Amino acid sequence: DQESLYILWTNADVWTAKHMVMMYATNAKKRGWWEEVTVIVWGATAKLVAEDEEIQRYVKEAQSVGVHFSACIACARNLDIIEELESLDIEIISWGPPLTELLKSGAKLLSV
């Protein structure tokens, strides 16, 4: 879909989270740059989201304007943070096959 953006977020740096991932995702949805914005929480970022209250506030703000968050279940399971992510209304799925399909289909994917 030409109006859907996926942000593959793997960099757990707090400054990158606040001043790139959250800023762009929130503004892209709020200002109508993209119809659908999905942030894929993968790897160390899952732990950052589960543990950092400031980042959780950014996630909630982004969700409030319609940004969708989805996390890798293998990462969440390995880090023992499934409950924390679920409590933040973050979808948790096996992302390997869907990511492969996104890449093969030429979807708009921003990797951070």
PDB file of N, CA and C in Angstrom:
ATOM      1  N   ASP A   1       0.840  -1.189   0.000  1.00  0.00           N
ATOM      2  CA  ASP A   1       0.000   0.000   0.000  1.00  0.00           C
ATOM      3  C   ASP A   1       0.881   1.248   0.000  1.00  0.00           C
ATOM      4  N   GLN A   2       0.615   2.150  -0.902  1.00  0.00           N
ATOM      5  CA  GLN A   2       1.441   3.352  -1.050  1.00  0.00           C
ATOM      6  C   GLN A   2       1.244   4.368   0.072  1.00  0.00           C
ATOM      7  N   GLU A   3       0.210   4.190   0.880  1.00  0.00           N
ATOM      8  CA  GLU A   3      -0.057   5.137   1.963  1.00  0.00           C
ATOM      9  C   GLU A   3       0.259   4.568   3.343  1.00  0.00           C
ATOM     10  N   SER A   4       0.981   3.446   3.376  1.00  0.00           N
ATOM     11  CA  SER A   4       1.355   2.825   4.647  1.00  0.00           C
ATOM     12  C   SER A   4       2.862   2.878   4.825  1.00  0.00           C
ATOM     13  N   LEU A   5       3.290   3.316   5.995  1.00  0.00           N
ATOM     14  CA  LEU A   5       4.703   3.366   6.342  1.00  0.00           C
ATOM     15  C   LEU A   5       4.950   2.428   7.512  1.00  0.00           C
ATOM     16  N   TYR A   6       6.006   1.642   7.398  1.00  0.00           N
ATOM     17  CA  TYR A   6       6.451   0.765   8.476  1.00  0.00           C
ATOM     18  C   TYR A   6       7.815   1.261   8.939  1.00  0.00           C
ATOM     19  N   ILE A   7       7.968   1.451  10.241  1.00  0.00           N
ATOM     20  CA  ILE A   7       9.249   1.853  10.817  1.00  0.00           C
ATOM     21  C   ILE A   7       9.772   0.672  11.613  1.00  0.00           C
ATOM     22  N   LEU A   8      10.858   0.079  11.127  1.00  0.00           N
ATOM     23  CA  LEU A   8      11.505  -1.034  11.823  1.00  0.00           C
ATOM     24  C   LEU A   8      12.486  -0.424  12.818  1.00  0.00           C
ATOM     25  N   TRP A   9      12.121  -0.462  14.092  1.00  0.00           N
ATOM     26  CA  TRP A   9      12.868   0.224  15.145  1.00  0.00           C
ATOM     27  C   TRP A   9      13.695  -0.787  15.920  1.00  0.00           C
ATOM     28  N   THR A  10      15.009  -0.768  15.690  1.00  0.00           N
ATOM     29  CA  THR A  10      15.914  -1.709  16.353  1.00  0.00           C
ATOM     30  C   THR A  10      16.983  -1.013  17.198  1.00  0.00           C
ATOM     31  N   ASN A  11      17.128   0.303  17.045  1.00  0.00           N
ATOM     32  CA  ASN A  11      18.151   1.061  17.752  1.00  0.00           C
ATOM     33  C   ASN A  11      17.589   1.534  19.089  1.00  0.00           C
ATOM     34  N   ALA A  12      18.130   1.041  20.188  1.00  0.00           N
ATOM     35  CA  ALA A  12      17.592   1.340  21.514  1.00  0.00           C
ATOM     36  C   ALA A  12      18.164   2.610  22.139  1.00  0.00           C
ATOM     37  N   ASP A  13      18.823   3.439  21.342  1.00  0.00           N
ATOM     38  CA  ASP A  13      19.322   4.710  21.851  1.00  0.00           C
ATOM     39  C   ASP A  13      18.134   5.623  22.178  1.00  0.00           C
ATOM     40  N   VAL A  14      18.109   6.174  23.376  1.00  0.00           N
ATOM     41  CA  VAL A  14      16.981   6.992  23.825  1.00  0.00           C
ATOM     42  C   VAL A  14      16.811   8.231  22.955  1.00  0.00           C
ATOM     43  N   TRP A  15      17.909   8.885  22.602  1.00  0.00           N
ATOM     44  CA  TRP A  15      17.827  10.098  21.779  1.00  0.00           C
ATOM     45  C   TRP A  15      17.273   9.785  20.393  1.00  0.00           C
ATOM     46  N   THR A  16      17.685   8.673  19.839  1.00  0.00           N
ATOM     47  CA  THR A  16      17.147   8.259  18.538  1.00  0.00           C
ATOM     48  C   THR A  16      15.662   7.957  18.662  1.00  0.00           C
ATOM     49  N   ALA A  17      15.283   7.330  19.744  1.00  0.00           N
ATOM     50  CA  ALA A  17      13.870   7.016  19.970  1.00  0.00           C
ATOM     51  C   ALA A  17      13.031   8.287  20.019  1.00  0.00           C
ATOM     52  N   LYS A  18      13.466   9.259  20.821  1.00  0.00           N
ATOM     53  CA  LYS A  18      12.676  10.473  21.011  1.00  0.00           C
ATOM     54  C   LYS A  18      12.716  11.397  19.802  1.00  0.00           C
ATOM     55  N   HIS A  19      13.907  11.581  19.239  1.00  0.00           N
ATOM     56  CA  HIS A  19      14.089  12.623  18.230  1.00  0.00           C
ATOM     57  C   HIS A  19      14.075  12.125  16.796  1.00  0.00           C
ATOM     58  N   MET A  20      13.790  10.854  16.596  1.00  0.00           N
ATOM     59  CA  MET A  20      13.604  10.354  15.236  1.00  0.00           C
ATOM     60  C   MET A  20      12.368   9.482  15.184  1.00  0.00           C
ATOM     61  N   VAL A  21      12.415   8.320  15.824  1.00  0.00           N
ATOM     62  CA  VAL A  21      11.327   7.346  15.703  1.00  0.00           C
ATOM     63  C   VAL A  21       9.997   7.942  16.163  1.00  0.00           C
ATOM     64  N   MET A  22       9.931   8.392  17.397  1.00  0.00           N
ATOM     65  CA  MET A  22       8.666   8.899  17.931  1.00  0.00           C
ATOM     66  C   MET A  22       8.254  10.205  17.271  1.00  0.00           C
ATOM     67  N   MET A  23       9.217  11.088  17.056  1.00  0.00           N
ATOM     68  CA  MET A  23       8.903  12.374  16.443  1.00  0.00           C
ATOM     69  C   MET A  23       8.336  12.185  15.035  1.00  0.00           C
ATOM     70  N   TYR A  24       9.024  11.386  14.219  1.00  0.00           N
ATOM     71  CA  TYR A  24       8.560  11.208  12.843  1.00  0.00           C
ATOM     72  C   TYR A  24       7.256  10.417  12.792  1.00  0.00           C
ATOM     73  N   ALA A  25       7.165   9.329  13.541  1.00  0.00           N
ATOM     74  CA  ALA A  25       5.946   8.509  13.514  1.00  0.00           C
ATOM     75  C   ALA A  25       4.729   9.332  13.930  1.00  0.00           C
ATOM     76  N   THR A  26       4.857  10.077  15.008  1.00  0.00           N
ATOM     77  CA  THR A  26       3.739  10.880  15.507  1.00  0.00           C
ATOM     78  C   THR A  26       3.341  11.959  14.511  1.00  0.00           C
ATOM     79  N   ASN A  27       4.322  12.708  14.018  1.00  0.00           N
ATOM     80  CA  ASN A  27       4.014  13.783  13.076  1.00  0.00           C
ATOM     81  C   ASN A  27       3.519  13.261  11.738  1.00  0.00           C
ATOM     82  N   ALA A  28       4.057  12.143  11.291  1.00  0.00           N
ATOM     83  CA  ALA A  28       3.627  11.569  10.010  1.00  0.00           C
ATOM     84  C   ALA A  28       2.151  11.213  10.044  1.00  0.00           C
ATOM     85  N   LYS A  29       1.694  10.682  11.150  1.00  0.00           N
ATOM     86  CA  LYS A  29       0.279  10.321  11.282  1.00  0.00           C
ATOM     87  C   LYS A  29      -0.575  11.564  11.542  1.00  0.00           C
ATOM     88  N   LYS A  30      -0.138  12.394  12.497  1.00  0.00           N
ATOM     89  CA  LYS A  30      -0.911  13.571  12.888  1.00  0.00           C
ATOM     90  C   LYS A  30      -1.098  14.545  11.721  1.00  0.00           C
ATOM     91  N   ARG A  31      -0.062  14.712  10.910  1.00  0.00           N
ATOM     92  CA  ARG A  31      -0.105  15.692   9.818  1.00  0.00           C
ATOM     93  C   ARG A  31      -0.544  15.096   8.486  1.00  0.00           C
ATOM     94  N   GLY A  32      -0.853  13.795   8.504  1.00  0.00           N
ATOM     95  CA  GLY A  32      -1.374  13.166   7.299  1.00  0.00           C
ATOM     96  C   GLY A  32      -0.346  12.871   6.223  1.00  0.00           C
ATOM     97  N   TRP A  33       0.927  12.796   6.605  1.00  0.00           N
ATOM     98  CA  TRP A  33       1.961  12.462   5.620  1.00  0.00           C
ATOM     99  C   TRP A  33       1.781  11.035   5.134  1.00  0.00           C
ATOM    100  N   TRP A  34       1.339  10.167   6.040  1.00  0.00           N
ATOM    101  CA  TRP A  34       1.037   8.765   5.738  1.00  0.00           C
ATOM    102  C   TRP A  34      -0.323   8.443   6.334  1.00  0.00           C
ATOM    103  N   GLU A  35      -1.101   7.649   5.613  1.00  0.00           N
ATOM    104  CA  GLU A  35      -2.412   7.243   6.121  1.00  0.00           C
ATOM    105  C   GLU A  35      -2.272   6.271   7.293  1.00  0.00           C
ATOM    106  N   GLU A  36      -1.369   5.323   7.162  1.00  0.00           N
ATOM    107  CA  GLU A  36      -1.115   4.329   8.209  1.00  0.00           C
ATOM    108  C   GLU A  36       0.365   4.360   8.578  1.00  0.00           C
ATOM    109  N   VAL A  37       0.653   4.363   9.872  1.00  0.00           N
ATOM    110  CA  VAL A  37       2.033   4.318  10.366  1.00  0.00           C
ATOM    111  C   VAL A  37       2.111   3.200  11.396  1.00  0.00           C
ATOM    112  N   THR A  38       3.018   2.259  11.155  1.00  0.00           N
ATOM    113  CA  THR A  38       3.239   1.146  12.077  1.00  0.00           C
ATOM    114  C   THR A  38       4.694   1.148  12.507  1.00  0.00           C
ATOM    115  N   VAL A  39       4.920   1.147  13.811  1.00  0.00           N
ATOM    116  CA  VAL A  39       6.271   1.032  14.358  1.00  0.00           C
ATOM    117  C   VAL A  39       6.453  -0.413  14.803  1.00  0.00           C
ATOM    118  N   ILE A  40       7.454  -1.069  14.221  1.00  0.00           N
ATOM    119  CA  ILE A  40       7.780  -2.452  14.564  1.00  0.00           C
ATOM    120  C   ILE A  40       8.894  -2.414  15.616  1.00  0.00           C
ATOM    121  N   VAL A  41       8.567  -2.846  16.813  1.00  0.00           N
ATOM    122  CA  VAL A  41       9.496  -2.816  17.948  1.00  0.00           C
ATOM    123  C   VAL A  41      10.238  -4.148  17.962  1.00  0.00           C
ATOM    124  N   TRP A  42      11.555  -4.094  17.714  1.00  0.00           N
ATOM    125  CA  TRP A  42      12.308  -5.331  17.522  1.00  0.00           C
ATOM    126  C   TRP A  42      13.632  -5.270  18.282  1.00  0.00           C
ATOM    127  N   GLY A  43      13.936  -6.323  19.002  1.00  0.00           N
ATOM    128  CA  GLY A  43      15.231  -6.416  19.682  1.00  0.00           C
ATOM    129  C   GLY A  43      15.281  -5.562  20.935  1.00  0.00           C
ATOM    130  N   ALA A  44      16.403  -4.866  21.101  1.00  0.00           N
ATOM    131  CA  ALA A  44      16.651  -4.091  22.318  1.00  0.00           C
ATOM    132  C   ALA A  44      15.617  -2.997  22.542  1.00  0.00           C
ATOM    133  N   THR A  45      14.966  -2.530  21.479  1.00  0.00           N
ATOM    134  CA  THR A  45      13.954  -1.483  21.655  1.00  0.00           C
ATOM    135  C   THR A  45      12.772  -1.985  22.477  1.00  0.00           C
ATOM    136  N   ALA A  46      12.480  -3.262  22.402  1.00  0.00           N
ATOM    137  CA  ALA A  46      11.382  -3.817  23.196  1.00  0.00           C
ATOM    138  C   ALA A  46      11.669  -3.640  24.686  1.00  0.00           C
ATOM    139  N   LYS A  47      12.903  -3.887  25.080  1.00  0.00           N
ATOM    140  CA  LYS A  47      13.296  -3.718  26.485  1.00  0.00           C
ATOM    141  C   LYS A  47      13.246  -2.243  26.880  1.00  0.00           C
ATOM    142  N   LEU A  48      13.687  -1.365  25.983  1.00  0.00           N
ATOM    143  CA  LEU A  48      13.629   0.072  26.246  1.00  0.00           C
ATOM    144  C   LEU A  48      12.185   0.511  26.490  1.00  0.00           C
ATOM    145  N   VAL A  49      11.284   0.103  25.632  1.00  0.00           N
ATOM    146  CA  VAL A  49       9.869   0.471  25.775  1.00  0.00           C
ATOM    147  C   VAL A  49       9.292  -0.097  27.067  1.00  0.00           C
ATOM    148  N   ALA A  50       9.627  -1.329  27.386  1.00  0.00           N
ATOM    149  CA  ALA A  50       9.081  -1.981  28.576  1.00  0.00           C
ATOM    150  C   ALA A  50       9.564  -1.336  29.871  1.00  0.00           C
ATOM    151  N   GLU A  51      10.759  -0.747  29.855  1.00  0.00           N
ATOM    152  CA  GLU A  51      11.369  -0.270  31.099  1.00  0.00           C
ATOM    153  C   GLU A  51      11.438   1.243  31.261  1.00  0.00           C
ATOM    154  N   ASP A  52      11.388   2.004  30.177  1.00  0.00           N
ATOM    155  CA  ASP A  52      11.606   3.448  30.237  1.00  0.00           C
ATOM    156  C   ASP A  52      10.265   4.195  30.217  1.00  0.00           C
ATOM    157  N   GLU A  53       9.919   4.815  31.342  1.00  0.00           N
ATOM    158  CA  GLU A  53       8.624   5.483  31.454  1.00  0.00           C
ATOM    159  C   GLU A  53       8.493   6.673  30.510  1.00  0.00           C
ATOM    160  N   GLU A  54       9.581   7.374  30.258  1.00  0.00           N
ATOM    161  CA  GLU A  54       9.517   8.503  29.324  1.00  0.00           C
ATOM    162  C   GLU A  54       9.202   8.008  27.910  1.00  0.00           C
ATOM    163  N   ILE A  55       9.855   6.937  27.492  1.00  0.00           N
ATOM    164  CA  ILE A  55       9.585   6.365  26.170  1.00  0.00           C
ATOM    165  C   ILE A  55       8.151   5.843  26.117  1.00  0.00           C
ATOM    166  N   GLN A  56       7.666   5.284  27.208  1.00  0.00           N
ATOM    167  CA  GLN A  56       6.271   4.826  27.259  1.00  0.00           C
ATOM    168  C   GLN A  56       5.306   5.988  27.022  1.00  0.00           C
ATOM    169  N   ARG A  57       5.624   7.169  27.555  1.00  0.00           N
ATOM    170  CA  ARG A  57       4.770   8.344  27.322  1.00  0.00           C
ATOM    171  C   ARG A  57       4.780   8.725  25.843  1.00  0.00           C
ATOM    172  N   TYR A  58       5.938   8.628  25.205  1.00  0.00           N
ATOM    173  CA  TYR A  58       6.023   8.908  23.766  1.00  0.00           C
ATOM    174  C   TYR A  58       5.194   7.901  22.969  1.00  0.00           C
ATOM    175  N   VAL A  59       5.260   6.645  23.361  1.00  0.00           N
ATOM    176  CA  VAL A  59       4.469   5.603  22.684  1.00  0.00           C
ATOM    177  C   VAL A  59       2.984   5.923  22.819  1.00  0.00           C
ATOM    178  N   LYS A  60       2.550   6.260  24.020  1.00  0.00           N
ATOM    179  CA  LYS A  60       1.132   6.570  24.250  1.00  0.00           C
ATOM    180  C   LYS A  60       0.691   7.785  23.437  1.00  0.00           C
ATOM    181  N   GLU A  61       1.555   8.793  23.349  1.00  0.00           N
ATOM    182  CA  GLU A  61       1.228   9.977  22.549  1.00  0.00           C
ATOM    183  C   GLU A  61       1.061   9.595  21.078  1.00  0.00           C
ATOM    184  N   ALA A  62       1.996   8.789  20.577  1.00  0.00           N
ATOM    185  CA  ALA A  62       1.910   8.347  19.179  1.00  0.00           C
ATOM    186  C   ALA A  62       0.648   7.519  18.956  1.00  0.00           C
ATOM    187  N   GLN A  63       0.350   6.630  19.881  1.00  0.00           N
ATOM    188  CA  GLN A  63      -0.865   5.815  19.771  1.00  0.00           C
ATOM    189  C   GLN A  63      -2.114   6.695  19.762  1.00  0.00           C
ATOM    190  N   SER A  64      -2.085   7.779  20.506  1.00  0.00           N
ATOM    191  CA  SER A  64      -3.262   8.646  20.610  1.00  0.00           C
ATOM    192  C   SER A  64      -3.603   9.334  19.294  1.00  0.00           C
ATOM    193  N   VAL A  65      -2.627   9.454  18.391  1.00  0.00           N
ATOM    194  CA  VAL A  65      -2.906  10.045  17.073  1.00  0.00           C
ATOM    195  C   VAL A  65      -3.079   8.978  16.004  1.00  0.00           C
ATOM    196  N   GLY A  66      -2.984   7.693  16.412  1.00  0.00           N
ATOM    197  CA  GLY A  66      -3.262   6.608  15.477  1.00  0.00           C
ATOM    198  C   GLY A  66      -2.084   5.788  15.006  1.00  0.00           C
ATOM    199  N   VAL A  67      -0.897   6.008  15.582  1.00  0.00           N
ATOM    200  CA  VAL A  67       0.259   5.179  15.226  1.00  0.00           C
ATOM    201  C   VAL A  67       0.067   3.803  15.857  1.00  0.00           C
ATOM    202  N   HIS A  68       0.300   2.766  15.068  1.00  0.00           N
ATOM    203  CA  HIS A  68       0.169   1.382  15.535  1.00  0.00           C
ATOM    204  C   HIS A  68       1.551   0.866  15.932  1.00  0.00           C
ATOM    205  N   PHE A  69       1.648   0.209  17.083  1.00  0.00           N
ATOM    206  CA  PHE A  69       2.896  -0.393  17.539  1.00  0.00           C
ATOM    207  C   PHE A  69       2.730  -1.902  17.586  1.00  0.00           C
ATOM    208  N   SER A  70       3.749  -2.606  17.097  1.00  0.00           N
ATOM    209  CA  SER A  70       3.732  -4.063  17.077  1.00  0.00           C
ATOM    210  C   SER A  70       5.135  -4.559  17.401  1.00  0.00           C
ATOM    211  N   ALA A  71       5.228  -5.539  18.285  1.00  0.00           N
ATOM    212  CA  ALA A  71       6.531  -6.035  18.737  1.00  0.00           C
ATOM    213  C   ALA A  71       6.745  -7.484  18.322  1.00  0.00           C
ATOM    214  N   CYS A  72       8.004  -7.837  18.224  1.00  0.00           N
ATOM    215  CA  CYS A  72       8.429  -9.199  17.900  1.00  0.00           C
ATOM    216  C   CYS A  72       8.229 -10.097  19.128  1.00  0.00           C
ATOM    217  N   ILE A  73       7.448 -11.147  18.969  1.00  0.00           N
ATOM    218  CA  ILE A  73       7.156 -12.033  20.105  1.00  0.00           C
ATOM    219  C   ILE A  73       8.400 -12.783  20.592  1.00  0.00           C
ATOM    220  N   ALA A  74       9.290 -13.159  19.685  1.00  0.00           N
ATOM    221  CA  ALA A  74      10.502 -13.876  20.109  1.00  0.00           C
ATOM    222  C   ALA A  74      11.351 -12.988  21.015  1.00  0.00           C
ATOM    223  N   CYS A  75      11.489 -11.719  20.643  1.00  0.00           N
ATOM    224  CA  CYS A  75      12.259 -10.785  21.468  1.00  0.00           C
ATOM    225  C   CYS A  75      11.577 -10.580  22.814  1.00  0.00           C
ATOM    226  N   ALA A  76      10.268 -10.364  22.787  1.00  0.00           N
ATOM    227  CA  ALA A  76       9.520 -10.138  24.026  1.00  0.00           C
ATOM    228  C   ALA A  76       9.617 -11.346  24.951  1.00  0.00           C
ATOM    229  N   ARG A  77       9.542 -12.524  24.370  1.00  0.00           N
ATOM    230  CA  ARG A  77       9.641 -13.753  25.166  1.00  0.00           C
ATOM    231  C   ARG A  77      11.052 -13.892  25.748  1.00  0.00           C
ATOM    232  N   ASN A  78      12.069 -13.695  24.914  1.00  0.00           N
ATOM    233  CA  ASN A  78      13.457 -13.831  25.370  1.00  0.00           C
ATOM    234  C   ASN A  78      13.801 -12.828  26.468  1.00  0.00           C
ATOM    235  N   LEU A  79      13.207 -11.644  26.388  1.00  0.00           N
ATOM    236  CA  LEU A  79      13.480 -10.595  27.372  1.00  0.00           C
ATOM    237  C   LEU A  79      12.495 -10.619  28.541  1.00  0.00           C
ATOM    238  N   ASP A  80      11.539 -11.542  28.501  1.00  0.00           N
ATOM    239  CA  ASP A  80      10.530 -11.698  29.549  1.00  0.00           C
ATOM    240  C   ASP A  80       9.763 -10.394  29.802  1.00  0.00           C
ATOM    241  N   ILE A  81       9.255  -9.798  28.702  1.00  0.00           N
ATOM    242  CA  ILE A  81       8.556  -8.512  28.816  1.00  0.00           C
ATOM    243  C   ILE A  81       7.204  -8.517  28.086  1.00  0.00           C
ATOM    244  N   ILE A  82       6.654  -9.684  27.845  1.00  0.00           N
ATOM    245  CA  ILE A  82       5.372  -9.759  27.131  1.00  0.00           C
ATOM    246  C   ILE A  82       4.295  -8.969  27.874  1.00  0.00           C
ATOM    247  N   GLU A  83       4.164  -9.174  29.171  1.00  0.00           N
ATOM    248  CA  GLU A  83       3.118  -8.486  29.942  1.00  0.00           C
ATOM    249  C   GLU A  83       3.287  -6.975  29.902  1.00  0.00           C
ATOM    250  N   GLU A  84       4.529  -6.507  30.013  1.00  0.00           N
ATOM    251  CA  GLU A  84       4.781  -5.067  29.994  1.00  0.00           C
ATOM    252  C   GLU A  84       4.345  -4.455  28.667  1.00  0.00           C
ATOM    253  N   LEU A  85       4.674  -5.129  27.564  1.00  0.00           N
ATOM    254  CA  LEU A  85       4.299  -4.609  26.246  1.00  0.00           C
ATOM    255  C   LEU A  85       2.787  -4.667  26.042  1.00  0.00           C
ATOM    256  N   GLU A  86       2.178  -5.752  26.470  1.00  0.00           N
ATOM    257  CA  GLU A  86       0.718  -5.864  26.350  1.00  0.00           C
ATOM    258  C   GLU A  86       0.012  -4.772  27.148  1.00  0.00           C
ATOM    259  N   SER A  87       0.560  -4.429  28.310  1.00  0.00           N
ATOM    260  CA  SER A  87      -0.062  -3.388  29.140  1.00  0.00           C
ATOM    261  C   SER A  87       0.001  -2.019  28.474  1.00  0.00           C
ATOM    262  N   LEU A  88       0.881  -1.869  27.491  1.00  0.00           N
ATOM    263  CA  LEU A  88       1.004  -0.622  26.734  1.00  0.00           C
ATOM    264  C   LEU A  88       0.206  -0.675  25.431  1.00  0.00           C
ATOM    265  N   ASP A  89      -0.636  -1.686  25.290  1.00  0.00           N
ATOM    266  CA  ASP A  89      -1.446  -1.874  24.072  1.00  0.00           C
ATOM    267  C   ASP A  89      -0.583  -2.029  22.823  1.00  0.00           C
ATOM    268  N   ILE A  90       0.536  -2.716  22.982  1.00  0.00           N
ATOM    269  CA  ILE A  90       1.408  -3.017  21.849  1.00  0.00           C
ATOM    270  C   ILE A  90       1.105  -4.442  21.397  1.00  0.00           C
ATOM    271  N   GLU A  91       0.782  -4.575  20.133  1.00  0.00           N
ATOM    272  CA  GLU A  91       0.540  -5.895  19.543  1.00  0.00           C
ATOM    273  C   GLU A  91       1.840  -6.699  19.600  1.00  0.00           C
ATOM    274  N   ILE A  92       1.743  -7.988  19.857  1.00  0.00           N
ATOM    275  CA  ILE A  92       2.928  -8.851  19.898  1.00  0.00           C
ATOM    276  C   ILE A  92       2.678 -10.025  18.965  1.00  0.00           C
ATOM    277  N   ILE A  93       3.513 -10.121  17.921  1.00  0.00           N
ATOM    278  CA  ILE A  93       3.354 -11.184  16.924  1.00  0.00           C
ATOM    279  C   ILE A  93       4.716 -11.700  16.482  1.00  0.00           C
ATOM    280  N   SER A  94       4.703 -12.782  15.750  1.00  0.00           N
ATOM    281  CA  SER A  94       5.915 -13.292  15.109  1.00  0.00           C
ATOM    282  C   SER A  94       6.157 -12.433  13.872  1.00  0.00           C
ATOM    283  N   TRP A  95       7.204 -11.613  13.889  1.00  0.00           N
ATOM    284  CA  TRP A  95       7.419 -10.647  12.820  1.00  0.00           C
ATOM    285  C   TRP A  95       8.264 -11.153  11.660  1.00  0.00           C
ATOM    286  N   GLY A  96       8.899 -12.312  11.766  1.00  0.00           N
ATOM    287  CA  GLY A  96       9.746 -12.805  10.673  1.00  0.00           C
ATOM    288  C   GLY A  96       9.024 -12.895   9.341  1.00  0.00           C
ATOM    289  N   PRO A  97       7.936 -13.673   9.246  1.00  0.00           N
ATOM    290  CA  PRO A  97       7.222 -13.784   7.967  1.00  0.00           C
ATOM    291  C   PRO A  97       6.622 -12.464   7.473  1.00  0.00           C
ATOM    292  N   PRO A  98       5.942 -11.669   8.327  1.00  0.00           N
ATOM    293  CA  PRO A  98       5.395 -10.413   7.814  1.00  0.00           C
ATOM    294  C   PRO A  98       6.474  -9.443   7.324  1.00  0.00           C
ATOM    295  N   LEU A  99       7.606  -9.379   8.037  1.00  0.00           N
ATOM    296  CA  LEU A  99       8.686  -8.500   7.593  1.00  0.00           C
ATOM    297  C   LEU A  99       9.212  -8.952   6.239  1.00  0.00           C
ATOM    298  N   THR A 100       9.365 -10.256   6.071  1.00  0.00           N
ATOM    299  CA  THR A 100       9.817 -10.794   4.783  1.00  0.00           C
ATOM    300  C   THR A 100       8.854 -10.394   3.672  1.00  0.00           C
ATOM    301  N   GLU A 101       7.563 -10.497   3.930  1.00  0.00           N
ATOM    302  CA  GLU A 101       6.560 -10.112   2.929  1.00  0.00           C
ATOM    303  C   GLU A 101       6.622  -8.620   2.620  1.00  0.00           C
ATOM    304  N   LEU A 102       6.812  -7.799   3.641  1.00  0.00           N
ATOM    305  CA  LEU A 102       6.940  -6.359   3.409  1.00  0.00           C
ATOM    306  C   LEU A 102       8.122  -6.065   2.500  1.00  0.00           C
ATOM    307  N   LEU A 103       9.247  -6.700   2.779  1.00  0.00           N
ATOM    308  CA  LEU A 103      10.445  -6.482   1.975  1.00  0.00           C
ATOM    309  C   LEU A 103      10.258  -6.958   0.543  1.00  0.00           C
ATOM    310  N   LYS A 104       9.681  -8.129   0.378  1.00  0.00           N
ATOM    311  CA  LYS A 104       9.470  -8.688  -0.964  1.00  0.00           C
ATOM    312  C   LYS A 104       8.475  -7.866  -1.779  1.00  0.00           C
ATOM    313  N   SER A 105       7.516  -7.247  -1.101  1.00  0.00           N
ATOM    314  CA  SER A 105       6.477  -6.503  -1.811  1.00  0.00           C
ATOM    315  C   SER A 105       6.878  -5.061  -2.119  1.00  0.00           C
ATOM    316  N   GLY A 106       8.029  -4.641  -1.606  1.00  0.00           N
ATOM    317  CA  GLY A 106       8.469  -3.271  -1.856  1.00  0.00           C
ATOM    318  C   GLY A 106       7.750  -2.243  -1.000  1.00  0.00           C
ATOM    319  N   ALA A 107       7.222  -2.662   0.136  1.00  0.00           N
ATOM    320  CA  ALA A 107       6.522  -1.745   1.044  1.00  0.00           C
ATOM    321  C   ALA A 107       7.474  -0.643   1.506  1.00  0.00           C
ATOM    322  N   LYS A 108       6.895   0.448   1.954  1.00  0.00           N
ATOM    323  CA  LYS A 108       7.672   1.578   2.476  1.00  0.00           C
ATOM    324  C   LYS A 108       8.138   1.214   3.882  1.00  0.00           C
ATOM    325  N   LEU A 109       9.436   0.945   4.010  1.00  0.00           N
ATOM    326  CA  LEU A 109      10.009   0.499   5.277  1.00  0.00           C
ATOM    327  C   LEU A 109      11.193   1.380   5.625  1.00  0.00           C
ATOM    328  N   LEU A 110      11.102   2.037   6.765  1.00  0.00           N
ATOM    329  CA  LEU A 110      12.172   2.872   7.279  1.00  0.00           C
ATOM    330  C   LEU A 110      12.813   2.100   8.418  1.00  0.00           C
ATOM    331  N   SER A 111      14.114   1.867   8.337  1.00  0.00           N
ATOM    332  CA  SER A 111      14.803   1.084   9.356  1.00  0.00           C
ATOM    333  C   SER A 111      15.671   2.002  10.208  1.00  0.00           C
ATOM    334  N   VAL A 112      15.430   1.966  11.522  1.00  0.00           N
ATOM    335  CA  VAL A 112      16.155   2.844  12.444  1.00  0.00           C
ATOM    336  C   VAL A 112      16.739   2.001  13.560  1.00  0.00           C
TER     337      VAL A 112
END
